[in-house]
Amino acid sequence: MAKRALNGIEIEASSGNVFADLGLPDAEQLKIKSGLVIEITRAVRRLGLTQEEAGRRMGIPQPKVSGLMRGDFSNLSEQKLMECLNRLGYDIEIKLIPATEPVGRRTVAVA
């Protein structure tokens, strides 16, 4: 990553994955899960659901909804987060294409 100074402060450009920039293990999975959680939070707010209502609709207990709304998604799998989005009215499409590099990547795009 390129570093430069701005007004005497060293600045480093992001790789596009803050989890990787921080050196966290499973950075790619964390990026994907965080994108799903952000969209769940948006949906709950857009629908005007209480945490209790959101939990019933998503099939998870209210304390887990509370955790999600605070950014704690460590106890939920990608699969469960996608199921929650389905239950909040989202279609999920998984598209597989050949990678241009020896190792492929995963991304989440929200329309």
Protein backbone atom coordinates (compact mmCIF):
# COMPACT_ATOMS: atom_id res chain seq x y z
CA MET A 1 0.00 0.00 0.00
CA ALA A 2 1.24 3.45 -0.86
CA LYS A 3 2.11 5.81 1.94
CA ARG A 4 2.27 9.58 1.71
CA ALA A 5 2.35 12.55 4.04
CA LEU A 6 -0.39 15.16 4.23
CA ASN A 7 0.16 18.17 6.49
CA GLY A 8 2.86 16.22 8.31
CA ILE A 9 0.62 13.20 8.91
CA GLU A 10 1.53 9.89 7.31
CA ILE A 11 -1.39 8.44 5.35
CA GLU A 12 -1.63 4.92 3.99
CA ALA A 13 -4.19 3.97 1.34
CA SER A 14 -6.53 1.11 2.18
CA SER A 15 -6.45 -2.17 0.32
CA GLY A 16 -10.25 -2.06 0.24
CA ASN A 17 -10.52 -4.50 3.14
CA VAL A 18 -10.03 -2.87 6.54
CA PHE A 19 -9.84 -6.31 8.18
CA ALA A 20 -6.88 -7.27 5.96
CA ASP A 21 -5.28 -3.88 6.58
CA LEU A 22 -5.46 -4.61 10.30
CA GLY A 23 -3.86 -8.03 9.73
CA LEU A 24 -6.84 -9.99 11.04
CA PRO A 25 -7.16 -13.69 10.18
CA ASP A 26 -10.06 -14.58 7.85
CA ALA A 27 -10.17 -10.96 6.64
CA GLU A 28 -12.09 -11.80 3.47
CA GLN A 29 -14.82 -13.65 5.39
CA LEU A 30 -15.06 -10.78 7.88
CA LYS A 31 -15.49 -8.29 5.03
CA ILE A 32 -18.32 -10.33 3.52
CA LYS A 33 -20.07 -10.92 6.84
CA SER A 34 -19.81 -7.24 7.77
CA GLY A 35 -21.43 -6.30 4.44
CA LEU A 36 -24.32 -8.66 5.18
CA VAL A 37 -24.70 -7.25 8.70
CA ILE A 38 -24.74 -3.68 7.39
CA GLU A 39 -27.55 -4.60 5.02
CA ILE A 40 -29.50 -6.38 7.78
CA THR A 41 -29.21 -3.26 9.94
CA ARG A 42 -30.43 -1.07 7.06
CA ALA A 43 -33.37 -3.39 6.43
CA VAL A 44 -34.44 -3.49 10.09
CA ARG A 45 -34.37 0.32 10.23
CA ARG A 46 -36.09 0.76 6.85
CA LEU A 47 -38.86 -1.63 7.88
CA GLY A 48 -39.24 0.11 11.24
CA LEU A 49 -38.92 -3.14 13.18
CA THR A 50 -38.17 -3.37 16.86
CA GLN A 51 -35.38 -5.77 17.77
CA GLU A 52 -37.99 -8.23 19.05
CA GLU A 53 -39.95 -8.04 15.77
CA ALA A 54 -36.77 -8.32 13.73
CA GLY A 55 -35.69 -11.36 15.73
CA ARG A 56 -39.01 -13.14 15.18
CA ARG A 57 -38.89 -12.37 11.48
CA MET A 58 -35.25 -13.50 11.10
CA GLY A 59 -35.58 -16.52 13.38
CA ILE A 60 -33.01 -15.40 15.93
CA PRO A 61 -33.42 -14.24 19.55
CA GLN A 62 -33.58 -10.51 20.35
CA PRO A 63 -30.16 -10.48 22.09
CA LYS A 64 -28.54 -11.64 18.83
CA VAL A 65 -30.38 -8.88 16.96
CA SER A 66 -29.04 -6.40 19.50
CA GLY A 67 -25.54 -7.72 18.90
CA LEU A 68 -25.96 -7.47 15.13
CA MET A 69 -27.14 -3.88 15.41
CA ARG A 70 -23.95 -3.13 17.37
CA GLY A 71 -21.73 -4.89 14.82
CA ASP A 72 -21.19 -8.15 16.71
CA PHE A 73 -21.60 -10.93 14.16
CA SER A 74 -19.02 -13.37 15.46
CA ASN A 75 -21.66 -15.88 16.58
CA LEU A 76 -23.51 -16.06 13.24
CA SER A 77 -22.41 -17.81 10.05
CA GLU A 78 -22.53 -16.31 6.56
CA GLN A 79 -25.31 -18.79 5.81
CA LYS A 80 -27.40 -17.61 8.77
CA LEU A 81 -26.86 -13.95 7.85
CA MET A 82 -28.06 -14.66 4.31
CA GLU A 83 -31.09 -16.48 5.72
CA CYS A 84 -31.85 -13.41 7.86
CA LEU A 85 -31.71 -11.21 4.75
CA ASN A 86 -34.07 -13.58 2.92
CA ARG A 87 -36.52 -13.32 5.80
CA LEU A 88 -36.27 -9.52 5.61
CA GLY A 89 -37.31 -9.57 1.96
CA TYR A 90 -34.01 -9.85 0.11
CA ASP A 91 -33.20 -12.10 -2.83
CA ILE A 92 -29.64 -13.38 -2.75
CA GLU A 93 -27.88 -14.36 -5.95
CA ILE A 94 -24.54 -16.15 -5.93
CA LYS A 95 -22.64 -15.82 -9.18
CA LEU A 96 -19.62 -17.99 -9.95
CA ILE A 97 -17.12 -16.92 -12.60
CA PRO A 98 -13.62 -18.20 -13.40
CA ALA A 99 -10.92 -16.24 -11.56
CA THR A 100 -8.22 -14.35 -13.42
CA GLU A 101 -5.71 -15.15 -10.67
CA PRO A 102 -4.66 -18.58 -9.33
CA VAL A 103 -6.79 -18.01 -6.21
CA GLY A 104 -10.27 -16.55 -6.55
CA ARG A 105 -12.01 -14.00 -4.30
CA ARG A 106 -15.46 -13.44 -2.83
CA THR A 107 -17.37 -10.17 -2.90
CA VAL A 108 -20.76 -8.91 -1.81
CA ALA A 109 -22.58 -6.38 -3.93
CA VAL A 110 -25.77 -4.65 -2.87
CA ALA A 111 -28.03 -3.38 -5.64
